[in-house]
Amino acid sequence: MKLLYELTLDVLRGNMNAHLECNPVLRDVFDLGPVISQCSVKMSKLQRVAMQNAASKKRNQQRQKQRYKRMVID
């Protein structure tokens, strides 16, 4: 069993916990039972970029407001 685990670890190259949590084939091989929790679904690149752009825009707007407060108008 240990040899099988080490071989699987070498093939998957990391993040073994996520694979053992979500992969039904690996859970069956290692007799872990059915998947208990819902595995996280990855966001698409377009969604990620849109979220980052919105956060960046909001951050820039807040910075601009702070800059105008610091200006001394004579």
C-alpha atoms as a PDB file:
ATOM      1  CA  MET A   1       0.000   0.000   0.000  1.00  0.00           C
ATOM      2  CA  LYS A   2       2.849   2.392   0.837  1.00  0.00           C
ATOM      3  CA  LEU A   3       4.516   1.689  -2.515  1.00  0.00           C
ATOM      4  CA  LEU A   4       1.255   2.414  -4.339  1.00  0.00           C
ATOM      5  CA  TYR A   5       0.853   5.675  -2.406  1.00  0.00           C
ATOM      6  CA  GLU A   6       4.417   6.787  -3.181  1.00  0.00           C
ATOM      7  CA  LEU A   7       4.007   5.897  -6.860  1.00  0.00           C
ATOM      8  CA  THR A   8       0.751   7.866  -7.027  1.00  0.00           C
ATOM      9  CA  LEU A   9       2.428  10.789  -5.276  1.00  0.00           C
ATOM     10  CA  ASP A  10       5.239  10.795  -7.850  1.00  0.00           C
ATOM     11  CA  VAL A  11       2.793  10.657 -10.763  1.00  0.00           C
ATOM     12  CA  LEU A  12       0.522  13.436  -9.471  1.00  0.00           C
ATOM     13  CA  ARG A  13       3.441  15.635  -8.349  1.00  0.00           C
ATOM     14  CA  GLY A  14       1.930  17.359  -5.366  1.00  0.00           C
ATOM     15  CA  ASN A  15      -1.397  18.435  -3.921  1.00  0.00           C
ATOM     16  CA  MET A  16      -2.110  14.861  -2.924  1.00  0.00           C
ATOM     17  CA  ASN A  17      -4.599  15.946  -0.248  1.00  0.00           C
ATOM     18  CA  ALA A  18      -6.850  17.601  -2.830  1.00  0.00           C
ATOM     19  CA  HIS A  19      -6.676  14.538  -5.064  1.00  0.00           C
ATOM     20  CA  LEU A  20      -7.498  12.206  -2.193  1.00  0.00           C
ATOM     21  CA  GLU A  21     -10.375  14.457  -1.180  1.00  0.00           C
ATOM     22  CA  CYS A  22     -11.980  14.899  -4.604  1.00  0.00           C
ATOM     23  CA  ASN A  23     -10.838  12.103  -6.924  1.00  0.00           C
ATOM     24  CA  PRO A  24     -13.285   9.180  -6.702  1.00  0.00           C
ATOM     25  CA  VAL A  25     -10.867   6.772  -8.430  1.00  0.00           C
ATOM     26  CA  LEU A  26      -8.108   7.415  -5.889  1.00  0.00           C
ATOM     27  CA  ARG A  27     -10.607   7.199  -3.042  1.00  0.00           C
ATOM     28  CA  ASP A  28     -11.675   3.798  -4.352  1.00  0.00           C
ATOM     29  CA  VAL A  29      -8.080   2.572  -4.769  1.00  0.00           C
ATOM     30  CA  PHE A  30      -7.144   3.557  -1.209  1.00  0.00           C
ATOM     31  CA  ASP A  31     -10.515   2.441   0.271  1.00  0.00           C
ATOM     32  CA  LEU A  32     -11.440   5.905   1.553  1.00  0.00           C
ATOM     33  CA  GLY A  33     -15.142   5.586   0.796  1.00  0.00           C
ATOM     34  CA  PRO A  34     -17.318   8.013  -1.146  1.00  0.00           C
ATOM     35  CA  VAL A  35     -16.498  11.691  -1.539  1.00  0.00           C
ATOM     36  CA  ILE A  36     -17.853  13.459   1.550  1.00  0.00           C
ATOM     37  CA  SER A  37     -17.429  17.154   0.823  1.00  0.00           C
ATOM     38  CA  GLN A  38     -18.050  19.103  -2.331  1.00  0.00           C
ATOM     39  CA  CYS A  39     -14.813  19.804  -4.139  1.00  0.00           C
ATOM     40  CA  SER A  40     -14.146  23.403  -4.968  1.00  0.00           C
ATOM     41  CA  VAL A  41     -14.869  24.338  -8.545  1.00  0.00           C
ATOM     42  CA  LYS A  42     -12.189  26.416 -10.166  1.00  0.00           C
ATOM     43  CA  MET A  43     -13.155  29.802 -11.542  1.00  0.00           C
ATOM     44  CA  SER A  44     -12.577  30.373 -15.198  1.00  0.00           C
ATOM     45  CA  LYS A  45      -9.771  32.701 -16.196  1.00  0.00           C
ATOM     46  CA  LEU A  46     -12.285  35.256 -17.484  1.00  0.00           C
ATOM     47  CA  GLN A  47     -14.101  35.339 -14.121  1.00  0.00           C
ATOM     48  CA  ARG A  48     -10.817  35.666 -12.222  1.00  0.00           C
ATOM     49  CA  VAL A  49      -9.634  38.524 -14.432  1.00  0.00           C
ATOM     50  CA  ALA A  50     -12.990  40.307 -14.126  1.00  0.00           C
ATOM     51  CA  MET A  51     -12.859  40.032 -10.326  1.00  0.00           C
ATOM     52  CA  GLN A  52      -9.286  41.329 -10.213  1.00  0.00           C
ATOM     53  CA  ASN A  53     -10.147  44.226 -12.530  1.00  0.00           C
ATOM     54  CA  ALA A  54     -13.122  45.226 -10.391  1.00  0.00           C
ATOM     55  CA  ALA A  55     -11.018  45.131  -7.221  1.00  0.00           C
ATOM     56  CA  SER A  56      -8.260  47.127  -8.901  1.00  0.00           C
ATOM     57  CA  LYS A  57     -10.721  49.758 -10.132  1.00  0.00           C
ATOM     58  CA  LYS A  58     -12.226  50.156  -6.660  1.00  0.00           C
ATOM     59  CA  ARG A  59      -8.758  50.408  -5.096  1.00  0.00           C
ATOM     60  CA  ASN A  60      -7.720  53.080  -7.612  1.00  0.00           C
ATOM     61  CA  GLN A  61     -10.880  55.096  -6.964  1.00  0.00           C
ATOM     62  CA  GLN A  62     -10.239  55.025  -3.214  1.00  0.00           C
ATOM     63  CA  ARG A  63      -6.642  56.152  -3.750  1.00  0.00           C
ATOM     64  CA  GLN A  64      -7.764  59.045  -5.930  1.00  0.00           C
ATOM     65  CA  LYS A  65     -10.179  60.226  -3.250  1.00  0.00           C
ATOM     66  CA  GLN A  66      -7.365  60.154  -0.668  1.00  0.00           C
ATOM     67  CA  ARG A  67      -5.050  62.108  -2.973  1.00  0.00           C
ATOM     68  CA  TYR A  68      -7.576  64.898  -3.431  1.00  0.00           C
ATOM     69  CA  LYS A  69      -8.030  65.189   0.336  1.00  0.00           C
ATOM     70  CA  ARG A  70      -4.288  65.768   0.769  1.00  0.00           C
ATOM     71  CA  MET A  71      -4.038  68.515  -1.836  1.00  0.00           C
ATOM     72  CA  VAL A  72      -3.662  72.019  -0.456  1.00  0.00           C
ATOM     73  CA  ILE A  73      -5.529  74.537  -2.550  1.00  0.00           C
ATOM     74  CA  ASP A  74      -4.500  78.165  -2.014  1.00  0.00           C
END
